[in-house]
Amino acid sequence: MKQIKYLNVILTIMTIFLGIIVLAITGLIPTASAKEPASNKFVQFPLNKDGSITVRLAPNETIDVNIDEVGGFSTFGKVPVKIEK
């Protein structure tokens, strides 16, 4: 009697896992991916040792800068900018 219960438990577990595998193969279970989409909107650039960014502007050039987030925090209102010559 113990052998039949043991066999039923093992077969039930195998059936559950086989069903999960079938659902994963058919695509019914969504998968996670760490890949970036092909239309990557981010650019990597070098930082100075202190974490600042060196920017050189051409004379009489206007640059439109829109900052939405800094360090994971939303920028609401004004952001102080230090300009050095």
N, C-alpha and C. Protein backbone atom coordinates (compact mmCIF):
# COMPACT_ATOMS: atom_id res chain seq x y z
N MET A 1 0.81 -1.19 0.00
CA MET A 1 0.00 0.00 0.00
C MET A 1 0.86 1.26 0.00
N LYS A 2 1.97 1.25 0.76
CA LYS A 2 2.86 2.40 0.80
C LYS A 2 3.50 2.63 -0.57
N GLN A 3 3.80 1.54 -1.26
CA GLN A 3 4.43 1.67 -2.56
C GLN A 3 3.50 2.35 -3.56
N ILE A 4 2.23 2.07 -3.52
CA ILE A 4 1.26 2.68 -4.44
C ILE A 4 1.13 4.17 -4.15
N LYS A 5 1.06 4.55 -2.87
CA LYS A 5 0.98 5.96 -2.51
C LYS A 5 2.25 6.70 -2.96
N TYR A 6 3.40 6.09 -2.72
CA TYR A 6 4.67 6.69 -3.13
C TYR A 6 4.70 6.87 -4.65
N LEU A 7 4.29 5.84 -5.39
CA LEU A 7 4.26 5.91 -6.85
C LEU A 7 3.30 7.00 -7.33
N ASN A 8 2.14 7.12 -6.71
CA ASN A 8 1.17 8.15 -7.09
C ASN A 8 1.72 9.55 -6.83
N VAL A 9 2.40 9.75 -5.72
CA VAL A 9 3.00 11.05 -5.41
C VAL A 9 4.07 11.40 -6.44
N ILE A 10 4.94 10.47 -6.74
CA ILE A 10 6.02 10.71 -7.71
C ILE A 10 5.43 11.00 -9.09
N LEU A 11 4.46 10.23 -9.52
CA LEU A 11 3.84 10.45 -10.83
C LEU A 11 3.11 11.79 -10.89
N THR A 12 2.48 12.19 -9.79
CA THR A 12 1.79 13.48 -9.75
C THR A 12 2.79 14.62 -9.88
N ILE A 13 3.89 14.54 -9.15
CA ILE A 13 4.93 15.58 -9.23
C ILE A 13 5.50 15.66 -10.64
N MET A 14 5.76 14.51 -11.23
CA MET A 14 6.31 14.49 -12.60
C MET A 14 5.31 15.09 -13.59
N THR A 15 4.02 14.81 -13.41
CA THR A 15 2.99 15.35 -14.29
C THR A 15 2.90 16.86 -14.18
N ILE A 16 2.98 17.37 -12.96
CA ILE A 16 2.93 18.82 -12.75
C ILE A 16 4.11 19.50 -13.44
N PHE A 17 5.31 18.97 -13.24
CA PHE A 17 6.49 19.58 -13.86
C PHE A 17 6.47 19.44 -15.38
N LEU A 18 5.99 18.33 -15.88
CA LEU A 18 5.87 18.16 -17.33
C LEU A 18 4.88 19.17 -17.90
N GLY A 19 3.78 19.41 -17.19
CA GLY A 19 2.82 20.42 -17.64
C GLY A 19 3.44 21.81 -17.65
N ILE A 20 4.23 22.15 -16.63
CA ILE A 20 4.91 23.46 -16.59
C ILE A 20 5.88 23.59 -17.76
N ILE A 21 6.61 22.53 -18.06
CA ILE A 21 7.56 22.56 -19.18
C ILE A 21 6.82 22.78 -20.50
N VAL A 22 5.70 22.09 -20.69
CA VAL A 22 4.92 22.24 -21.92
C VAL A 22 4.40 23.68 -22.04
N LEU A 23 3.90 24.26 -20.95
CA LEU A 23 3.42 25.64 -20.98
C LEU A 23 4.55 26.62 -21.30
N ALA A 24 5.73 26.36 -20.77
CA ALA A 24 6.87 27.24 -21.04
C ALA A 24 7.32 27.14 -22.50
N ILE A 25 7.31 25.95 -23.05
CA ILE A 25 7.74 25.76 -24.45
C ILE A 25 6.75 26.40 -25.42
N THR A 26 5.47 26.29 -25.12
CA THR A 26 4.47 26.85 -26.03
C THR A 26 4.36 28.37 -25.91
N GLY A 27 4.98 28.96 -24.89
CA GLY A 27 4.96 30.41 -24.75
C GLY A 27 3.79 30.93 -23.95
N LEU A 28 3.03 30.06 -23.31
CA LEU A 28 1.89 30.52 -22.52
C LEU A 28 2.34 31.13 -21.18
N ILE A 29 3.54 30.78 -20.73
CA ILE A 29 4.11 31.39 -19.53
C ILE A 29 5.07 32.49 -20.01
N PRO A 30 4.86 33.75 -19.63
CA PRO A 30 5.74 34.82 -20.10
C PRO A 30 7.15 34.66 -19.51
N THR A 31 8.13 35.01 -20.32
CA THR A 31 9.51 34.91 -19.87
C THR A 31 10.09 36.30 -19.66
N ALA A 32 11.05 36.40 -18.76
CA ALA A 32 11.73 37.66 -18.48
C ALA A 32 13.03 37.70 -19.26
N SER A 33 13.41 38.88 -19.69
CA SER A 33 14.65 39.03 -20.44
C SER A 33 15.37 40.29 -19.97
N ALA A 34 16.68 40.19 -19.80
CA ALA A 34 17.46 41.34 -19.36
C ALA A 34 18.04 42.10 -20.55
N LYS A 35 17.70 41.70 -21.75
CA LYS A 35 18.23 42.36 -22.95
C LYS A 35 17.54 43.70 -23.15
N GLU A 36 18.29 44.65 -23.66
CA GLU A 36 17.74 45.95 -24.01
C GLU A 36 17.05 45.83 -25.37
N PRO A 37 15.99 46.57 -25.58
CA PRO A 37 15.37 46.54 -26.91
C PRO A 37 16.31 47.12 -27.96
N ALA A 38 16.04 46.82 -29.21
CA ALA A 38 16.91 47.27 -30.30
C ALA A 38 16.98 48.79 -30.38
N SER A 39 15.91 49.48 -30.03
CA SER A 39 15.90 50.94 -30.06
C SER A 39 16.34 51.48 -28.70
N ASN A 40 17.61 51.31 -28.40
CA ASN A 40 18.17 51.73 -27.12
C ASN A 40 18.19 53.25 -27.03
N LYS A 41 17.60 53.82 -25.98
CA LYS A 41 17.52 55.26 -25.83
C LYS A 41 18.58 55.81 -24.88
N PHE A 42 19.53 55.00 -24.46
CA PHE A 42 20.53 55.41 -23.50
C PHE A 42 21.91 55.40 -24.15
N VAL A 43 22.77 56.29 -23.68
CA VAL A 43 24.12 56.40 -24.20
C VAL A 43 25.08 56.31 -23.02
N GLN A 44 26.17 55.59 -23.19
CA GLN A 44 27.19 55.52 -22.16
C GLN A 44 28.26 56.54 -22.46
N PHE A 45 28.74 57.22 -21.41
CA PHE A 45 29.80 58.20 -21.58
C PHE A 45 30.66 58.19 -20.33
N PRO A 46 31.92 58.61 -20.47
CA PRO A 46 32.84 58.54 -19.33
C PRO A 46 32.54 59.61 -18.28
N LEU A 47 32.68 59.23 -17.02
CA LEU A 47 32.53 60.15 -15.90
C LEU A 47 33.91 60.49 -15.35
N ASN A 48 34.03 61.68 -14.78
CA ASN A 48 35.25 62.04 -14.07
C ASN A 48 35.31 61.26 -12.76
N LYS A 49 36.48 61.31 -12.09
CA LYS A 49 36.65 60.55 -10.85
C LYS A 49 35.66 60.99 -9.77
N ASP A 50 35.28 62.26 -9.79
CA ASP A 50 34.34 62.76 -8.77
C ASP A 50 32.88 62.56 -9.17
N GLY A 51 32.62 61.93 -10.31
CA GLY A 51 31.26 61.67 -10.75
C GLY A 51 30.68 62.74 -11.65
N SER A 52 31.46 63.79 -11.94
CA SER A 52 30.98 64.86 -12.80
C SER A 52 31.21 64.51 -14.27
N ILE A 53 30.63 65.31 -15.14
CA ILE A 53 30.75 65.10 -16.58
C ILE A 53 31.40 66.34 -17.18
N THR A 54 32.41 66.15 -18.00
CA THR A 54 33.06 67.27 -18.68
C THR A 54 32.30 67.56 -19.97
N VAL A 55 31.84 68.82 -20.11
CA VAL A 55 31.10 69.24 -21.29
C VAL A 55 31.79 70.44 -21.90
N ARG A 56 32.08 70.36 -23.20
CA ARG A 56 32.68 71.49 -23.91
C ARG A 56 31.67 71.98 -24.94
N LEU A 57 31.34 73.28 -24.87
CA LEU A 57 30.37 73.86 -25.78
C LEU A 57 31.07 74.75 -26.79
N ALA A 58 30.58 74.71 -28.02
CA ALA A 58 31.09 75.59 -29.06
C ALA A 58 30.53 76.99 -28.81
N PRO A 59 31.25 78.05 -29.19
CA PRO A 59 30.74 79.41 -28.99
C PRO A 59 29.43 79.62 -29.75
N ASN A 60 28.52 80.36 -29.12
CA ASN A 60 27.22 80.71 -29.71
C ASN A 60 26.36 79.49 -30.04
N GLU A 61 26.51 78.45 -29.29
CA GLU A 61 25.72 77.23 -29.52
C GLU A 61 24.68 77.09 -28.42
N THR A 62 23.46 76.81 -28.78
CA THR A 62 22.38 76.62 -27.82
C THR A 62 22.06 75.14 -27.72
N ILE A 63 21.97 74.64 -26.49
CA ILE A 63 21.67 73.23 -26.27
C ILE A 63 20.42 73.12 -25.41
N ASP A 64 19.46 72.33 -25.86
CA ASP A 64 18.24 72.09 -25.12
C ASP A 64 18.47 70.88 -24.21
N VAL A 65 18.37 71.08 -22.90
CA VAL A 65 18.62 70.01 -21.93
C VAL A 65 17.35 69.78 -21.12
N ASN A 66 16.83 68.58 -21.17
CA ASN A 66 15.65 68.20 -20.38
C ASN A 66 16.04 67.03 -19.48
N ILE A 67 16.05 67.26 -18.17
CA ILE A 67 16.41 66.22 -17.22
C ILE A 67 15.14 65.77 -16.51
N ASP A 68 14.83 64.49 -16.62
CA ASP A 68 13.64 63.94 -15.97
C ASP A 68 13.98 63.27 -14.65
N GLU A 69 15.19 62.70 -14.55
CA GLU A 69 15.53 61.89 -13.39
C GLU A 69 17.01 61.99 -13.11
N VAL A 70 17.38 62.08 -11.83
CA VAL A 70 18.78 62.08 -11.41
C VAL A 70 18.93 61.09 -10.28
N GLY A 71 19.76 60.08 -10.50
CA GLY A 71 20.00 59.09 -9.46
C GLY A 71 18.75 58.33 -9.02
N GLY A 72 17.81 58.17 -9.91
CA GLY A 72 16.60 57.44 -9.59
C GLY A 72 15.50 58.30 -8.99
N PHE A 73 15.77 59.60 -8.79
CA PHE A 73 14.78 60.50 -8.21
C PHE A 73 14.31 61.48 -9.27
N SER A 74 13.03 61.74 -9.29
CA SER A 74 12.44 62.65 -10.25
C SER A 74 12.89 64.08 -9.95
N THR A 75 13.17 64.85 -11.00
CA THR A 75 13.55 66.25 -10.83
C THR A 75 12.32 67.10 -11.07
N PHE A 76 11.76 67.60 -10.01
CA PHE A 76 10.58 68.44 -10.10
C PHE A 76 10.99 69.86 -9.74
N GLY A 77 10.83 70.76 -10.67
CA GLY A 77 11.22 72.15 -10.42
C GLY A 77 12.59 72.44 -11.01
N LYS A 78 13.37 73.24 -10.31
CA LYS A 78 14.67 73.67 -10.83
C LYS A 78 15.79 72.78 -10.31
N VAL A 79 16.80 72.62 -11.14
CA VAL A 79 17.99 71.87 -10.79
C VAL A 79 19.18 72.83 -10.86
N PRO A 80 19.93 73.00 -9.75
CA PRO A 80 21.07 73.91 -9.79
C PRO A 80 22.18 73.38 -10.69
N VAL A 81 22.73 74.24 -11.53
CA VAL A 81 23.81 73.85 -12.44
C VAL A 81 24.98 74.79 -12.21
N LYS A 82 26.16 74.21 -11.98
CA LYS A 82 27.37 75.00 -11.77
C LYS A 82 28.15 75.03 -13.08
N ILE A 83 28.40 76.22 -13.62
CA ILE A 83 29.12 76.37 -14.88
C ILE A 83 30.49 76.96 -14.58
N GLU A 84 31.53 76.26 -15.00
CA GLU A 84 32.91 76.73 -14.80
C GLU A 84 33.54 77.02 -16.14
N LYS A 85 34.42 78.03 -16.17
CA LYS A 85 35.13 78.34 -17.42
C LYS A 85 36.48 77.70 -17.44
